[in-house]
Amino acid sequence: MQIRELKTVYQLIRTTYDETKKRGVEKMLGSFPRDALVMPEQVKSALNEKEFKQLEDWFQAREDKRKKEVEDMKWSRKLYQLRCAALVLSEFRDALKDQEVVKEFTAKHANELWAELDATRSDLRKAGYAKPKAELRSNRAYTKP
């Protein structure tokens, strides 16, 4: 059985050999939307045991692939956030120099920021990144390339 992917649907095609024509003949068993998570009932009834198992395996493989893609995206996003953290803090320091912006920054915001900085410092240590020695640190924590 073939599973043919079209723009908005999947088609299930059974190919059988026709002795009179001396070639394979395709018959569409059914179709279902691309976003379907389970087999539609009318498709199930048209399949034999082997085709049913093949389609079940295909659904499982598609779901596994989707889950892996989601996990890969989450991992990429986390890595991006780690790499951008220093830049964000650098831009935050620059923003604190603007008095108009500072007027909008409240004590509540400052307390939340201090708490996050403390938690970040602790998590960096737990991850194995100790605070560098003073001579290794630059004046500015992050320099733009």
Protein backbone atom coordinates (compact mmCIF):
# COMPACT_ATOMS: atom_id res chain seq x y z
CA MET A 1 0.00 0.00 0.00
CA GLN A 2 1.20 3.49 -0.82
CA ILE A 3 0.47 6.56 1.25
CA ARG A 4 0.40 9.48 -1.12
CA GLU A 5 0.77 12.98 0.29
CA LEU A 6 -1.17 15.74 -1.43
CA LYS A 7 -1.57 19.37 -0.36
CA THR A 8 -4.31 18.87 2.20
CA VAL A 9 -4.91 15.11 2.34
CA TYR A 10 -3.22 11.72 2.42
CA GLN A 11 -4.44 9.11 -0.04
CA LEU A 12 -4.17 5.37 0.54
CA ILE A 13 -3.45 3.48 -2.68
CA ARG A 14 -3.53 -0.30 -3.11
CA THR A 15 -1.68 -1.70 -6.12
CA THR A 16 -2.63 -5.13 -7.43
CA TYR A 17 -1.37 -7.03 -10.47
CA ASP A 18 -3.89 -7.49 -13.28
CA GLU A 19 -3.13 -10.60 -15.38
CA THR A 20 -5.15 -9.39 -18.37
CA LYS A 21 -3.42 -6.01 -18.52
CA LYS A 22 -0.08 -7.49 -17.42
CA ARG A 23 0.61 -4.53 -15.16
CA GLY A 24 -0.23 -3.13 -11.77
CA VAL A 25 -3.57 -1.45 -11.18
CA GLU A 26 -3.96 1.20 -8.51
CA LYS A 27 -7.10 1.58 -6.44
CA MET A 28 -7.66 4.37 -3.95
CA LEU A 29 -8.87 2.91 -0.66
CA GLY A 30 -9.59 6.21 0.99
CA SER A 31 -8.19 9.54 2.05
CA PHE A 32 -8.00 11.59 5.20
CA PRO A 33 -6.93 15.15 6.14
CA ARG A 34 -3.23 15.80 6.73
CA ASP A 35 -3.88 16.95 10.27
CA ALA A 36 -5.76 13.78 11.27
CA LEU A 37 -4.34 12.21 14.42
CA VAL A 38 -6.10 8.85 14.08
CA MET A 39 -7.37 6.64 11.29
CA PRO A 40 -10.88 7.49 10.10
CA GLU A 41 -13.37 4.62 10.48
CA GLN A 42 -14.25 4.43 6.77
CA VAL A 43 -10.55 3.99 5.97
CA LYS A 44 -10.13 1.26 8.61
CA SER A 45 -12.91 -0.83 7.11
CA ALA A 46 -11.36 -0.70 3.61
CA LEU A 47 -7.98 -2.08 4.72
CA ASN A 48 -6.83 -5.65 5.12
CA GLU A 49 -4.77 -6.72 8.16
CA LYS A 50 -1.37 -6.04 6.59
CA GLU A 51 -2.42 -2.61 5.31
CA PHE A 52 -4.00 -1.75 8.66
CA LYS A 53 -0.74 -2.59 10.46
CA GLN A 54 1.25 -0.58 7.89
CA LEU A 55 -0.98 2.46 8.41
CA GLU A 56 -0.79 2.13 12.21
CA ASP A 57 3.01 2.04 11.99
CA TRP A 58 2.96 5.03 9.65
CA PHE A 59 0.78 7.04 12.09
CA GLN A 60 3.14 6.13 14.94
CA ALA A 61 6.23 7.11 12.92
CA ARG A 62 4.60 10.41 11.97
CA GLU A 63 3.74 11.13 15.61
CA ASP A 64 7.28 10.23 16.74
CA LYS A 65 8.73 12.55 14.09
CA ARG A 66 6.42 15.37 15.18
CA LYS A 67 7.40 14.91 18.84
CA LYS A 68 11.09 14.92 17.94
CA GLU A 69 10.66 18.11 15.92
CA VAL A 70 8.89 19.76 18.88
CA GLU A 71 11.68 18.67 21.25
CA ASP A 72 14.33 19.92 18.81
CA MET A 73 12.57 23.30 18.61
CA LYS A 74 12.39 23.53 22.40
CA TRP A 75 16.08 22.66 22.68
CA SER A 76 17.01 25.23 20.01
CA ARG A 77 14.97 27.90 21.78
CA LYS A 78 16.66 27.17 25.12
CA LEU A 79 20.10 27.33 23.51
CA TYR A 80 19.16 30.62 21.84
CA GLN A 81 18.00 32.04 25.18
CA LEU A 82 21.26 31.04 26.86
CA ARG A 83 23.31 32.66 24.13
CA CYS A 84 21.26 35.87 24.19
CA ALA A 85 21.11 36.34 27.98
CA ALA A 86 24.31 38.41 28.18
CA LEU A 87 23.17 40.62 25.31
CA VAL A 88 19.81 41.24 26.97
CA LEU A 89 21.48 42.20 30.25
CA SER A 90 23.85 44.52 28.40
CA GLU A 91 20.92 46.23 26.68
CA PHE A 92 19.14 46.43 30.05
CA ARG A 93 22.13 48.31 31.51
CA ASP A 94 22.05 50.68 28.55
CA ALA A 95 18.33 51.26 29.11
CA LEU A 96 18.95 52.15 32.77
CA LYS A 97 21.01 55.12 31.57
CA ASP A 98 17.88 56.67 30.03
CA GLN A 99 16.03 58.62 32.74
CA GLU A 100 12.72 58.49 30.87
CA VAL A 101 12.86 54.70 30.91
CA VAL A 102 13.97 54.55 34.55
CA LYS A 103 10.82 56.47 35.57
CA GLU A 104 8.72 53.55 34.29
CA PHE A 105 10.87 50.96 36.08
CA THR A 106 9.38 50.31 39.53
CA ALA A 107 10.75 48.85 42.75
CA LYS A 108 8.69 45.74 42.06
CA HIS A 109 10.45 45.29 38.72
CA ALA A 110 13.82 45.82 40.40
CA ASN A 111 13.05 43.24 43.10
CA GLU A 112 12.00 40.70 40.46
CA LEU A 113 15.20 41.37 38.53
CA TRP A 114 17.40 40.98 41.63
CA ALA A 115 15.68 37.68 42.44
CA GLU A 116 16.23 36.41 38.90
CA LEU A 117 19.87 37.51 38.92
CA ASP A 118 20.46 35.67 42.21
CA ALA A 119 18.77 32.53 40.87
CA THR A 120 20.77 32.80 37.64
CA ARG A 121 24.04 33.14 39.56
CA SER A 122 23.17 30.05 41.60
CA ASP A 123 22.14 28.03 38.54
CA LEU A 124 25.35 29.01 36.72
CA ARG A 125 27.38 27.66 39.63
CA LYS A 126 25.33 24.43 39.70
CA ALA A 127 25.92 24.02 35.96
CA GLY A 128 29.67 24.23 36.57
CA TYR A 129 30.30 27.83 35.57
CA ALA A 130 31.97 29.56 38.50
CA LYS A 131 32.33 33.32 38.57
CA PRO A 132 35.50 34.20 36.63
CA LYS A 133 38.43 35.87 38.36
CA ALA A 134 38.41 39.68 38.30
CA GLU A 135 41.31 39.92 35.82
CA LEU A 136 39.47 37.67 33.35
CA ARG A 137 36.31 39.75 33.38
CA SER A 138 36.10 42.75 31.14
CA ASN A 139 34.65 46.08 32.16
CA ARG A 140 31.56 45.22 30.22
CA ALA A 141 30.14 41.71 30.59
CA TYR A 142 29.12 41.50 26.95
CA THR A 143 30.66 43.31 24.03
CA LYS A 144 28.76 43.43 20.79
CA PRO A 145 30.67 41.94 17.83
